[in-house]
Protein backbone atom coordinates (compact mmCIF):
# COMPACT_ATOMS: atom_id res chain seq x y z
CA MET A 1 127.73 121.08 62.30
CA THR A 2 125.03 118.48 62.84
CA ARG A 3 127.62 115.79 63.52
CA ALA A 4 129.27 117.95 66.16
CA VAL A 5 125.93 118.57 67.88
CA LEU A 6 125.09 114.87 67.82
CA ALA A 7 128.53 114.00 69.19
CA GLU A 8 128.08 116.49 72.04
CA ALA A 9 124.57 115.21 72.77
CA ARG A 10 125.86 111.63 72.86
CA GLU A 11 128.66 112.64 75.20
CA ILE A 12 126.27 114.48 77.51
CA PHE A 13 123.93 111.46 77.54
CA LEU A 14 126.84 109.17 78.39
CA LEU A 15 127.97 111.41 81.24
CA MET A 16 124.42 111.71 82.59
CA SER A 17 123.93 107.93 82.52
CA MET A 18 127.24 107.43 84.33
CA LEU A 19 126.19 109.97 86.95
CA VAL A 20 122.84 108.24 87.49
CA GLY A 21 124.57 104.86 87.74
CA LEU A 22 127.08 106.10 90.30
CA SER A 23 124.33 107.78 92.30
CA GLY A 24 122.33 104.56 92.37
CA LEU A 25 125.40 102.59 93.40
CA SER A 26 126.24 104.98 96.23
CA LEU A 27 122.61 104.86 97.42
CA ALA A 28 122.73 101.06 97.45
CA VAL A 29 125.97 101.07 99.45
CA ALA A 30 124.53 103.56 101.94
CA CYS A 31 121.36 101.49 102.37
CA GLY A 32 123.46 98.37 102.90
CA ALA A 33 125.51 100.14 105.56
CA VAL A 34 122.35 101.25 107.38
CA ILE A 35 120.91 97.72 107.28
CA ILE A 36 124.14 96.23 108.64
CA ALA A 37 124.36 98.84 111.41
CA ASP A 38 120.72 98.26 112.34
CA ASN A 39 121.25 94.51 112.55
CA GLN A 40 124.30 94.97 114.76
CA THR A 41 122.38 97.35 117.02
CA GLN A 42 119.50 94.91 117.36
CA THR A 43 121.91 92.08 118.15
CA ALA A 44 123.66 94.14 120.82
CA ALA A 45 120.33 95.20 122.30
CA ALA A 46 119.10 91.60 122.37
CA ARG A 47 122.20 90.56 124.33
CA THR A 48 121.96 93.46 126.77
CA VAL A 49 118.25 93.41 127.68
CA PRO A 50 118.10 90.12 129.67
CA THR A 51 121.19 91.12 131.68
CA ALA A 52 119.69 94.52 132.54
CA ILE A 53 116.36 92.99 133.58
CA ALA A 54 118.09 90.34 135.70
CA SER A 55 120.15 92.97 137.51
CA LEU A 56 117.00 94.97 138.34
CA GLY A 57 115.44 91.96 140.05
CA ARG A 58 118.30 91.56 142.51
C-alpha cells in the first residue's frame, strides 16, 4: 500500500514538474515574440518618422 502511494506521489510530482517546465518555456517564447515584435515596430517607426516630418515641411 505504501509503495503504491509513493509511486503515485512520484508520478504526480513528475507531471507537475513537467507542467511547470512547459509553462516556463511557453512564457519565454511569448516574451521573445513580444520583444521581436517591439523591435520591428521601433525599426519601422524610426524609418517612417523622418519621411513624415519632411513631407509636412513642404
